[in-house]
Structures are given as structure tokens and as C-alpha cells.
Protein backbone atom coordinates (compact mmCIF):
# COMPACT_ATOMS: atom_id res chain seq x y z
CA MET A 1 -3.39 24.79 -13.50
CA SER A 2 -0.09 23.78 -11.96
CA VAL A 3 2.18 20.86 -12.82
CA ASN A 4 0.99 19.12 -9.65
CA ASP A 5 -2.54 19.00 -11.11
CA SER A 6 -1.44 16.88 -14.06
CA GLY A 7 -2.31 13.48 -12.63
CA SER A 8 -0.73 10.48 -11.02
CA GLY A 9 1.90 8.18 -12.44
CA ALA A 10 -0.77 5.53 -12.96
CA ASP A 11 -2.90 8.03 -14.92
CA LEU A 12 0.03 8.85 -17.19
CA LYS A 13 1.13 5.25 -17.79
CA ASP A 14 -0.21 5.13 -21.36
CA TRP A 15 1.16 8.58 -22.21
CA LEU A 16 4.62 7.60 -20.94
CA LYS A 17 4.77 4.07 -22.38
CA ASP A 18 7.24 4.98 -25.16
CA ALA A 19 9.12 7.66 -23.23
CA ALA A 20 12.91 7.61 -23.30
CA ILE A 21 14.73 7.26 -20.01
CA ASN A 22 17.55 9.68 -19.27
CA THR A 23 20.60 7.84 -17.90
CA ASP A 24 24.27 8.64 -17.31
CA GLN A 25 25.09 6.48 -20.35
CA ASN A 26 22.56 8.25 -22.58
CA LEU A 27 22.15 11.97 -22.05
CA ARG A 28 20.06 12.50 -25.19
CA LEU A 29 17.16 14.04 -23.23
CA GLN A 30 19.43 16.63 -21.63
CA TYR A 31 20.70 17.61 -25.07
CA LEU A 32 17.16 17.82 -26.47
CA ALA A 33 16.05 19.94 -23.51
CA GLY A 34 18.65 22.54 -24.45
CA VAL A 35 17.72 22.41 -28.13
CA GLY A 36 14.04 22.89 -27.31
CA LEU A 37 14.59 25.59 -24.71
CA ASN A 38 12.87 28.35 -26.68
CA ASN A 39 10.16 26.24 -28.31
CA TYR A 40 7.55 27.28 -25.73
CA THR A 41 5.69 23.97 -25.88
CA ALA A 42 5.04 23.63 -22.14
CA ALA A 43 1.38 24.65 -22.45
CA ASP A 44 0.81 22.12 -25.24
CA ILE A 45 2.50 19.36 -23.26
CA SER A 46 0.53 20.23 -20.13
CA GLU A 47 -2.72 20.16 -22.07
CA GLU A 48 -1.86 16.76 -23.54
CA ILE A 49 -0.96 15.33 -20.12
CA THR A 50 -4.16 16.57 -18.48
CA LYS A 51 -6.22 14.51 -20.92
CA PHE A 52 -5.10 11.48 -18.90
CA ARG A 53 -5.88 12.99 -15.49
CA LYS A 54 -8.54 11.33 -13.35
CA PHE A 55 -10.14 12.41 -10.11
CA PRO A 56 -8.14 10.74 -7.28
CA SER A 57 -11.12 9.32 -5.38
CA ASP A 58 -8.87 6.83 -3.58
CA LEU A 59 -7.09 9.73 -1.84
CA PHE A 60 -10.18 10.79 0.10
CA ILE A 61 -11.92 9.07 2.97
CA ALA A 62 -15.42 10.42 2.58
CA THR A 63 -18.90 9.55 1.45
CA ASP A 64 -19.57 9.18 -2.26
CA SER A 65 -21.73 12.30 -2.22
CA TRP A 66 -18.91 14.36 -0.65
CA LYS A 67 -16.46 13.06 -3.25
CA ALA A 68 -18.94 13.93 -6.01
CA SER A 69 -19.28 17.45 -4.60
CA LEU A 70 -15.50 17.87 -4.47
CA LYS A 71 -15.13 16.50 -7.98
CA GLN A 72 -17.69 19.02 -9.24
CA ALA A 73 -16.08 21.87 -7.30
CA ILE A 74 -12.68 21.32 -8.92
CA GLY A 75 -14.16 20.70 -12.36
CA ALA A 76 -12.96 17.13 -12.74
CA THR A 77 -14.60 15.37 -15.64
CA ARG A 78 -13.29 11.84 -15.14
């Protein structure tokens, strides 16, 4: 699974609700990124994010049966 498969911004709204924003006045996240460089938590984070992913049915102009077939083919559960 690639990063692009993680979901839309709307899907991740609840997961990101308490996220810190990196700004020029507060570079805390850049510092933490360096500290966590060798923590190897990317797979854990990706797995957590994909729990919020939903099938993007609004992206496709097709019949409901075609969308259902596509959803099944890619293994989408929601």
C-alpha cells in the first residue's frame, strides 16, 4: 500500500483533530522529525491512518454495481 492509498482529508479529519501545525514560529515538528528519524514507526502510522480510509465512491461516475465491483476488487471494506 502506498501513502496515496491512505484516504482523503475528510476521511482523516478525526485522526488529525488534535494534530499540531508546523509554522515558522513553531518548528517543534521539524525537531521531533529529526529525533524520531530512526524509530521506524512509518508502518504503524500507516496502519493507523488506513483505519479511517473509505472507498471514494464520489470519485467515480458509474453504476452502483460497477462501483461495488471496483470496491471488491481493491479490497475496500468501508
